[in-house]
């Protein structure tokens, strides 16, 4: 499976960005997906996840109400709409794909994901 993330950039606090992650090499429509992030000097942390159909999503508390995960199975793409961005959202954002056995779950555990994209940098200025 190959994952290609894009959409990062520099934005002022309060602004918006939309990240995209295009998948290839596996039946995307049967794959649960997640977004994680890693800020400088910090460990990678969970941001959001979505099951194969989009019927189940899960967010870390710090992004609830501001970030929205969605997917378009016809386009093999998962999105992360980021609104009301804060400087503490600054990080490299990674998309990840879970094994098919977890397709119906929106999982926050990074060890449950077996493929990772290369990351896209989001910088939020104050």
Protein backbone atom coordinates (compact mmCIF):
# COMPACT_ATOMS: atom_id res chain seq x y z
CA UNK A 1 0.00 0.00 0.00
CA UNK A 2 1.24 3.45 -0.86
CA UNK A 3 -0.10 6.57 0.84
CA UNK A 4 0.56 10.07 -0.45
CA UNK A 5 -0.35 12.93 1.87
CA UNK A 6 -0.59 16.53 0.75
CA UNK A 7 -2.16 19.86 1.63
CA UNK A 8 0.08 21.08 4.40
CA UNK A 9 1.39 24.62 4.57
CA UNK A 10 1.72 27.79 6.58
CA UNK A 11 -1.45 29.34 7.95
CA UNK A 12 -2.28 31.95 10.55
CA UNK A 13 -4.05 31.02 13.75
CA UNK A 14 -7.78 30.74 13.14
CA UNK A 15 -7.26 29.70 9.55
CA UNK A 16 -8.09 26.50 7.71
CA UNK A 17 -6.36 23.80 5.72
CA UNK A 18 -7.52 20.56 4.12
CA UNK A 19 -5.15 17.62 4.08
CA UNK A 20 -5.58 14.82 1.56
CA UNK A 21 -4.18 11.31 1.51
CA UNK A 22 -4.44 9.23 -1.66
CA UNK A 23 -4.06 5.47 -1.31
CA UNK A 24 -3.04 2.86 -3.84
CA UNK A 25 -2.23 -0.84 -3.81
CA UNK A 26 -5.08 -2.09 -1.64
CA UNK A 27 -8.88 -2.04 -1.77
CA UNK A 28 -9.21 1.38 -0.19
CA UNK A 29 -12.93 1.05 0.34
CA UNK A 30 -12.27 -1.83 2.79
CA UNK A 31 -9.58 -0.03 4.77
CA UNK A 32 -9.91 2.01 7.94
CA UNK A 33 -7.73 5.11 7.90
CA UNK A 34 -6.20 7.41 10.46
CA UNK A 35 -4.40 10.71 10.80
CA UNK A 36 -1.58 11.18 13.27
CA UNK A 37 0.78 14.07 13.92
CA UNK A 38 4.22 14.67 15.36
CA UNK A 39 5.30 18.05 16.66
CA UNK A 40 9.00 18.95 17.02
CA UNK A 41 10.49 17.20 20.03
CA UNK A 42 7.32 15.26 20.75
CA UNK A 43 6.07 11.75 20.14
CA UNK A 44 3.64 10.92 17.36
CA UNK A 45 0.05 11.30 18.53
CA UNK A 46 -3.35 10.26 17.27
CA UNK A 47 -5.56 12.89 15.64
CA UNK A 48 -8.54 11.23 13.95
CA UNK A 49 -9.68 7.95 12.43
CA UNK A 50 -12.46 6.70 10.19
CA UNK A 51 -13.75 3.23 9.42
CA UNK A 52 -14.09 1.79 5.93
CA UNK A 53 -17.54 3.22 5.22
CA UNK A 54 -17.21 6.53 7.02
CA UNK A 55 -19.98 5.59 9.43
CA UNK A 56 -17.65 5.68 12.42
CA UNK A 57 -15.13 8.38 13.29
CA UNK A 58 -13.02 9.09 16.34
CA UNK A 59 -11.06 12.18 17.40
CA UNK A 60 -8.60 13.10 20.05
CA UNK A 61 -10.16 15.58 22.48
CA UNK A 62 -7.97 18.52 21.51
CA UNK A 63 -9.28 18.62 17.93
CA UNK A 64 -12.97 17.85 18.44
CA UNK A 65 -15.17 20.48 16.83
CA UNK A 66 -12.28 21.88 14.76
CA UNK A 67 -10.96 19.01 12.65
CA UNK A 68 -13.09 16.67 10.56
CA UNK A 69 -12.02 13.40 8.96
CA UNK A 70 -13.87 12.15 5.88
CA UNK A 71 -13.28 9.86 2.95
CA UNK A 72 -14.19 9.41 -0.69
CA UNK A 73 -13.89 5.74 -1.57
CA UNK A 74 -14.46 6.44 -5.25
CA UNK A 75 -11.34 8.65 -5.21
CA UNK A 76 -9.30 6.43 -2.83
CA UNK A 77 -8.80 9.50 -0.66
CA UNK A 78 -9.14 10.38 3.00
CA UNK A 79 -9.34 14.01 4.07
CA UNK A 80 -8.68 16.02 7.20
CA UNK A 81 -10.47 19.36 7.20
CA UNK A 82 -8.74 21.61 9.70
CA UNK A 83 -10.57 24.73 10.89
CA UNK A 84 -9.86 27.22 13.67
CA UNK A 85 -6.24 26.18 13.66
CA UNK A 86 -4.07 26.91 16.67
CA UNK A 87 -0.28 27.21 16.98
CA UNK A 88 -0.30 23.95 18.96
CA UNK A 89 -1.60 22.18 15.84
CA UNK A 90 1.81 22.74 14.23
CA UNK A 91 3.21 19.32 13.32
CA UNK A 92 3.96 16.89 10.56
CA UNK A 93 0.71 15.11 9.78
CA UNK A 94 0.74 11.47 8.70
CA UNK A 95 -2.01 9.34 7.22
CA UNK A 96 -2.08 5.64 7.97
CA UNK A 97 -3.94 2.55 6.79
CA UNK A 98 -5.12 -0.23 9.07
CA UNK A 99 -5.10 -3.97 8.24
CA UNK A 100 -8.28 -5.25 6.65
CA UNK A 101 -9.28 -7.08 9.87
CA UNK A 102 -9.75 -3.64 11.49
CA UNK A 103 -11.78 -2.16 8.64
CA UNK A 104 -14.88 -1.53 10.76
CA UNK A 105 -13.02 0.34 13.50
CA UNK A 106 -11.88 3.94 13.87
CA UNK A 107 -8.79 3.16 15.94
CA UNK A 108 -6.51 5.52 17.84
CA UNK A 109 -3.68 3.03 18.43
CA UNK A 110 -0.80 3.65 16.00
CA UNK A 111 0.32 0.04 16.40
CA UNK A 112 -2.94 -1.08 14.75
CA UNK A 113 -1.88 0.60 11.49
CA UNK A 114 0.43 -1.14 9.07
CA UNK A 115 1.07 1.43 6.34
CA UNK A 116 2.07 5.08 6.70
CA UNK A 117 2.39 8.01 4.35
CA UNK A 118 5.38 10.31 4.20
CA UNK A 119 3.84 13.19 6.14
CA UNK A 120 2.89 16.76 5.32
CA UNK A 121 3.96 19.75 7.41
CA UNK A 122 1.36 22.07 8.92
CA UNK A 123 2.65 25.27 10.48
CA UNK A 124 0.25 27.57 12.33
CA UNK A 125 1.59 31.02 13.16
CA UNK A 126 0.30 33.08 16.06
